[in-house]
Protein backbone atom coordinates (compact mmCIF):
# COMPACT_ATOMS: atom_id res chain seq x y z
CA MET A 1 0.00 0.00 0.00
CA THR A 2 1.33 3.42 -1.00
CA ARG A 3 0.55 6.78 0.57
CA LEU A 4 -0.56 9.51 -1.85
CA GLY A 5 0.28 13.05 -0.83
CA SER A 6 -0.10 16.53 -2.33
CA VAL A 7 3.19 18.35 -1.86
CA GLY A 8 4.66 21.55 -3.24
CA HIS A 9 7.82 21.51 -5.30
CA VAL A 10 10.52 23.76 -6.73
CA TYR A 11 11.37 22.68 -10.28
CA TYR A 12 9.90 19.23 -9.46
CA ILE A 13 12.10 18.87 -6.36
CA SER A 14 9.77 18.26 -3.40
CA SER A 15 10.33 17.93 0.32
CA GLY A 16 8.27 16.12 2.93
CA GLU A 17 5.24 13.88 2.52
CA GLY A 18 2.71 16.66 1.95
CA LYS A 19 -1.00 16.54 2.70
CA LEU A 20 -2.57 13.12 2.61
CA VAL A 21 -5.00 12.69 -0.30
CA GLY A 22 -5.43 8.91 -0.19
CA HIS A 23 -3.80 5.51 -0.50
CA GLU A 24 -3.46 3.01 -3.31
CA ARG A 25 -2.50 -0.65 -3.31
CA THR A 26 -0.65 -2.48 -6.07
CA CYS A 27 -1.03 -6.10 -7.11
CA THR A 28 2.31 -7.88 -6.82
CA SER A 29 1.32 -10.20 -9.66
CA CYS A 30 0.07 -7.98 -12.50
CA GLY A 31 1.02 -4.50 -11.28
CA ALA A 32 -2.53 -3.13 -11.39
CA PHE A 33 -3.39 -0.63 -8.66
CA SER A 34 -6.61 0.32 -6.92
CA TYR A 35 -7.50 2.90 -4.30
CA ALA A 36 -7.73 1.73 -0.70
CA ASP A 37 -8.70 2.96 2.75
CA PRO A 38 -6.40 1.87 5.61
CA LYS A 39 -9.44 1.86 7.91
CA ASP A 40 -10.69 -1.21 6.05
CA TYR A 41 -7.82 -3.24 7.50
CA ALA A 42 -7.07 -4.39 11.02
CA GLY A 43 -3.45 -3.42 10.39
CA ILE A 44 -0.91 -2.75 7.64
CA SER A 45 2.02 -5.14 7.33
CA LYS A 46 5.39 -3.47 6.73
CA SER A 47 6.71 -6.44 4.77
CA SER A 48 5.50 -9.45 2.82
CA GLY A 49 5.17 -12.90 4.34
CA PRO A 50 3.11 -16.11 4.38
CA MET A 51 -0.51 -15.63 3.33
CA GLU A 52 -1.95 -16.91 6.61
CA THR A 53 0.26 -14.54 8.60
CA LEU A 54 -0.76 -11.58 6.46
CA LYS A 55 -4.44 -12.44 6.75
CA ARG A 56 -4.19 -12.68 10.53
CA GLU A 57 -2.38 -9.34 10.81
CA THR A 58 -4.22 -7.29 8.19
CA TYR A 59 -7.64 -8.81 7.53
CA PRO A 60 -8.75 -11.62 9.88
CA GLY A 61 -12.13 -11.99 8.17
CA LEU A 62 -10.80 -12.24 4.63
CA ASP A 63 -11.90 -15.84 4.03
CA GLU A 64 -15.46 -15.10 5.12
CA ALA A 65 -15.59 -11.85 3.14
CA LEU A 66 -14.39 -13.53 -0.06
CA ALA A 67 -16.40 -16.73 0.35
CA PRO A 68 -19.09 -15.75 -2.21
CA ARG A 69 -16.43 -14.80 -4.72
CA MET A 70 -14.49 -18.02 -4.20
CA GLU A 71 -17.70 -20.01 -4.68
CA LEU A 72 -18.24 -18.21 -7.96
CA GLU A 73 -14.65 -18.93 -9.03
CA ALA A 74 -15.19 -22.62 -8.28
CA LYS A 75 -18.38 -22.55 -10.34
CA VAL A 76 -16.50 -21.00 -13.25
CA LYS A 77 -13.95 -23.82 -13.20
CA ALA A 78 -16.38 -26.68 -12.64
CA ALA A 79 -19.46 -25.70 -14.63
CA PRO A 80 -19.07 -22.43 -16.57
CA HIS A 81 -22.14 -23.27 -18.66
CA LEU A 82 -24.29 -22.94 -15.53
CA LEU A 83 -23.38 -19.29 -14.94
CA SER A 84 -26.29 -16.88 -15.12
CA GLU A 85 -26.21 -13.88 -17.44
CA GLU A 86 -25.72 -11.58 -14.45
CA GLU A 87 -22.78 -13.63 -13.19
CA ARG A 88 -21.13 -13.69 -16.61
CA LEU A 89 -21.46 -9.94 -17.06
CA GLY A 90 -20.06 -9.38 -13.58
CA LEU A 91 -17.05 -11.58 -14.35
CA VAL A 92 -16.44 -9.67 -17.59
CA PHE A 93 -16.79 -6.32 -15.84
CA SER A 94 -14.47 -7.09 -12.91
CA PRO A 95 -11.09 -7.31 -14.71
CA ILE A 96 -11.90 -4.41 -17.04
CA ASN A 97 -12.88 -2.23 -14.09
CA LEU A 98 -9.86 -3.29 -12.06
CA ILE A 99 -7.33 -2.56 -14.81
CA SER A 100 -8.91 0.75 -15.85
CA PRO A 101 -7.02 2.96 -13.32
CA THR A 102 -3.71 1.63 -14.68
CA VAL A 103 -4.77 2.49 -18.23
CA GLU A 104 -6.01 5.95 -17.28
CA LYS A 105 -2.87 6.69 -15.27
CA HIS A 106 -0.71 5.71 -18.25
CA PHE A 107 -2.60 7.87 -20.76
CA ALA A 108 -2.76 10.86 -18.41
CA THR A 109 0.85 11.70 -19.33
CA THR A 110 3.14 11.20 -22.31
CA HIS A 111 5.40 8.17 -21.97
CA MET A 112 8.59 7.47 -23.88
CA ASP A 113 8.88 3.75 -24.47
CA ALA A 114 11.53 1.86 -26.42
CA GLY A 115 9.88 2.64 -29.76
CA VAL A 116 9.90 6.40 -29.12
CA ALA A 117 13.50 6.29 -27.87
CA LEU A 118 14.62 4.41 -30.98
CA ALA A 119 12.78 6.91 -33.19
CA ILE A 120 14.58 9.82 -31.49
CA GLY A 121 17.92 8.08 -31.91
CA GLY A 122 17.08 7.28 -35.52
CA GLY A 123 16.12 10.90 -36.17
CA VAL A 124 19.48 12.13 -34.87
CA ALA A 125 21.28 9.54 -36.99
CA LEU A 126 19.29 10.60 -40.07
CA CYS A 127 20.45 14.19 -39.63
CA PHE A 128 24.10 13.09 -39.78
CA LEU A 129 23.35 10.67 -42.60
CA GLY A 130 21.54 13.36 -44.58
CA ALA A 131 24.48 15.75 -44.16
CA THR A 132 26.92 13.05 -45.28
CA ILE A 133 24.88 12.16 -48.35
CA GLY A 134 24.34 15.83 -49.22
CA ASN A 135 28.05 16.62 -48.96
CA SER A 136 28.90 13.62 -51.09
CA ILE A 137 26.73 15.02 -53.88
CA ALA A 138 27.83 18.63 -53.50
CA PRO A 139 28.95 20.74 -50.53
CA GLU A 140 25.97 23.08 -50.90
CA PHE A 141 23.60 20.14 -50.43
CA GLY A 142 24.88 19.42 -46.91
CA PRO A 143 22.41 21.71 -45.06
CA GLN A 144 19.56 20.42 -47.19
CA GLY A 145 20.48 16.87 -46.22
CA VAL A 146 20.35 17.84 -42.54
CA VAL A 147 16.89 19.38 -42.99
CA ALA A 148 15.66 16.29 -44.85
CA GLY A 149 16.97 14.04 -42.09
CA LEU A 150 15.38 16.27 -39.45
CA VAL A 151 11.97 16.17 -41.16
CA ILE A 152 12.07 12.39 -41.59
CA GLY A 153 13.25 11.95 -38.00
CA ALA A 154 10.46 14.18 -36.66
CA GLY A 155 7.97 12.12 -38.63
CA LEU A 156 9.34 8.93 -37.08
CA VAL A 157 9.05 10.36 -33.56
CA ILE A 158 5.46 11.54 -34.13
CA TRP A 159 4.56 8.16 -35.60
CA GLN A 160 6.00 6.32 -32.60
CA LEU A 161 4.31 8.68 -30.13
CA ILE A 162 0.97 7.94 -31.78
CA ALA A 163 1.69 4.20 -31.82
CA ALA A 164 2.88 4.15 -28.19
CA GLY A 165 -0.67 4.01 -26.78
CA PRO A 166 -1.88 1.02 -28.83
CA ARG A 167 1.48 -0.65 -28.23
CA PHE A 168 1.06 -0.28 -24.46
CA MET A 169 -2.44 -1.75 -24.65
CA ARG A 170 -1.28 -4.64 -26.84
CA LYS A 171 1.76 -5.55 -24.73
CA GLU A 172 0.69 -4.69 -21.18
CA ILE A 173 -3.10 -4.66 -20.91
CA LEU A 174 -4.57 -7.09 -23.42
CA PRO A 175 -2.54 -10.09 -22.16
CA LEU A 176 -3.82 -9.45 -18.61
CA LEU A 177 -7.40 -9.13 -19.79
CA ALA A 178 -7.11 -12.20 -21.98
CA LYS A 179 -5.79 -14.22 -19.04
CA SER A 180 -8.51 -12.94 -16.70
CA LEU A 181 -11.36 -13.48 -19.16
CA ALA A 182 -10.18 -16.84 -20.50
CA PRO A 183 -12.14 -18.95 -17.95
CA VAL A 184 -15.37 -17.10 -18.81
CA GLN A 185 -14.79 -17.03 -22.59
CA PRO A 186 -17.09 -14.02 -23.09
CA SER A 187 -18.75 -13.35 -26.40
CA GLU A 188 -18.16 -10.14 -28.32
CA ALA A 189 -21.70 -9.06 -27.44
CA GLU A 190 -21.02 -9.46 -23.70
CA VAL A 191 -17.81 -7.42 -23.88
CA ASN A 192 -19.54 -4.71 -25.92
CA ARG A 193 -22.39 -4.57 -23.40
CA VAL A 194 -19.99 -4.05 -20.50
CA LEU A 195 -18.09 -1.35 -22.39
CA LEU A 196 -21.37 0.37 -23.23
CA GLU A 197 -22.34 0.42 -19.55
CA LEU A 198 -18.98 1.95 -18.69
CA LYS A 199 -19.51 4.69 -21.29
CA LYS A 200 -22.93 5.42 -19.79
CA GLY A 201 -21.24 5.66 -16.40
CA ALA A 202 -18.78 8.20 -17.80
CA ALA A 203 -21.64 10.45 -18.94
CA GLN A 204 -23.29 10.24 -15.51
CA ASP A 205 -19.97 10.99 -13.81
CA ARG A 206 -19.58 14.22 -15.76
CA GLN A 207 -22.95 15.43 -14.51
CA GLN A 208 -22.19 14.36 -10.93
CA ALA A 209 -18.76 15.99 -11.06
CA GLN A 210 -20.22 19.31 -12.19
CA GLY A 211 -22.80 19.26 -9.39
CA LEU A 212 -20.27 18.34 -6.70
CA ALA A 213 -17.85 21.00 -7.92
CA ALA A 214 -20.57 23.65 -7.63
CA ASP A 215 -21.44 22.53 -4.09
CA CYS A 216 -17.81 22.58 -2.95
CA SER A 217 -16.75 25.83 -4.61
CA HIS A 218 -17.73 28.02 -1.63
CA SER A 219 -15.95 25.99 1.05
CA LEU A 220 -12.80 24.59 -0.56
CA ALA A 221 -9.76 26.53 -1.62
CA ALA A 222 -9.46 24.78 -4.97
CA ILE A 223 -11.24 21.96 -6.75
CA GLU A 224 -9.84 20.09 -9.69
CA VAL A 225 -12.33 18.09 -11.73
CA GLN A 226 -10.70 15.29 -13.71
CA VAL A 227 -12.88 13.28 -16.05
CA SER A 228 -10.98 10.72 -18.10
CA SER A 229 -12.13 9.39 -21.44
CA GLY A 230 -12.25 5.81 -20.15
CA GLY A 231 -14.92 6.61 -17.59
CA CYS A 232 -14.07 3.86 -15.11
CA GLN A 233 -12.38 5.91 -12.38
CA ASP A 234 -13.57 9.50 -12.89
CA TYR A 235 -13.23 11.56 -9.75
CA ILE A 236 -13.22 14.95 -8.13
CA LYS A 237 -9.99 15.77 -6.34
CA CYS A 238 -10.44 18.41 -3.64
CA HIS A 239 -7.28 20.11 -2.38
CA ALA A 240 -8.28 20.02 1.28
CA PRO A 241 -7.23 17.95 4.33
CA ASN A 242 -10.15 15.48 3.89
CA ALA A 243 -9.81 15.20 0.13
CA ARG A 244 -10.93 11.88 -1.28
CA ARG A 245 -11.93 10.27 -4.55
CA PHE A 246 -15.50 9.77 -5.64
CA PRO A 247 -15.79 6.50 -7.62
CA ALA A 248 -17.43 6.41 -11.01
CA ALA A 249 -21.10 5.63 -11.47
CA ASP A 250 -22.03 2.00 -11.84
CA PRO A 251 -25.24 1.92 -13.90
CA ALA A 252 -25.33 -1.85 -14.27
CA GLY A 253 -24.59 -2.53 -10.60
CA PHE A 254 -21.59 -4.75 -11.38
CA ARG A 255 -19.39 -3.13 -8.75
CA HIS A 256 -22.00 -3.81 -6.05
CA ARG A 257 -22.22 -7.50 -6.95
CA TYR A 258 -18.49 -8.03 -7.41
CA PRO A 259 -16.55 -5.55 -5.24
CA ASP A 260 -13.13 -6.34 -6.72
CA ALA A 261 -11.82 -2.81 -6.20
CA GLY A 262 -12.25 -2.84 -2.43
CA VAL A 263 -12.73 -5.05 0.57
CA PRO A 264 -16.39 -6.04 1.10
CA GLN A 265 -16.65 -4.92 4.70
CA ARG A 266 -14.57 -3.49 7.50
CA PRO A 267 -12.83 -6.28 9.42
CA PRO A 268 -12.89 -6.68 13.18
CA ALA A 269 -9.92 -5.36 15.08
CA ALA A 270 -7.10 -7.84 15.48
CA ALA A 271 -7.04 -9.55 18.83
């Protein structure tokens, strides 16, 4: 679990932990993260360890809380053809909803992956190559060769920046989704239905965000409304001591039936 803080900086050099704005937890298997509340746990372990030890220290009632989900997982393995339509849609929704914050966090900023780095290096090399070729033809063609190499190199960089997003989805996200959805083997219609519900949720979130921003404008110093195109984790971030995230709307009720993004209930205090 990682603490999220809002801290000032001077040329991106910060000091201290800043004001607490929330916590997030990261899966040690796939790297996906989700937002968490430390109050939902009996304690927070400082290090990893055996599963039984971690359950006893952090969430004593984990087995009972996850019993319905484990029963559903067993049903998926033993008799997937007996799953109801509601159960199938919930199982399709869960991994997409869980991985959505990772996708939105990635696309919130520009990332330079190996393809972009190679394009930049290739663009620099093309400038030297263009100058060499131009000088070999005639000395006055040297600058023109540099310009030609620069234009081609810029085109390569732009192309790779555009392709970086689909490449990230293809290499990092789709394999995780394919692995998670393989036991259910959803149809294209089921996937499209879940995605449609998420888009409806995004539209509702925009309306809710505008209303909440208006209500908070008189009492908070600053309010930043962030609505992402994916629509799965839209939120209002209030720059105040009790700032918190407001989860996206869930028109189909999948999140209520399969609470994969949070613990089902607050555990009893550890003895």
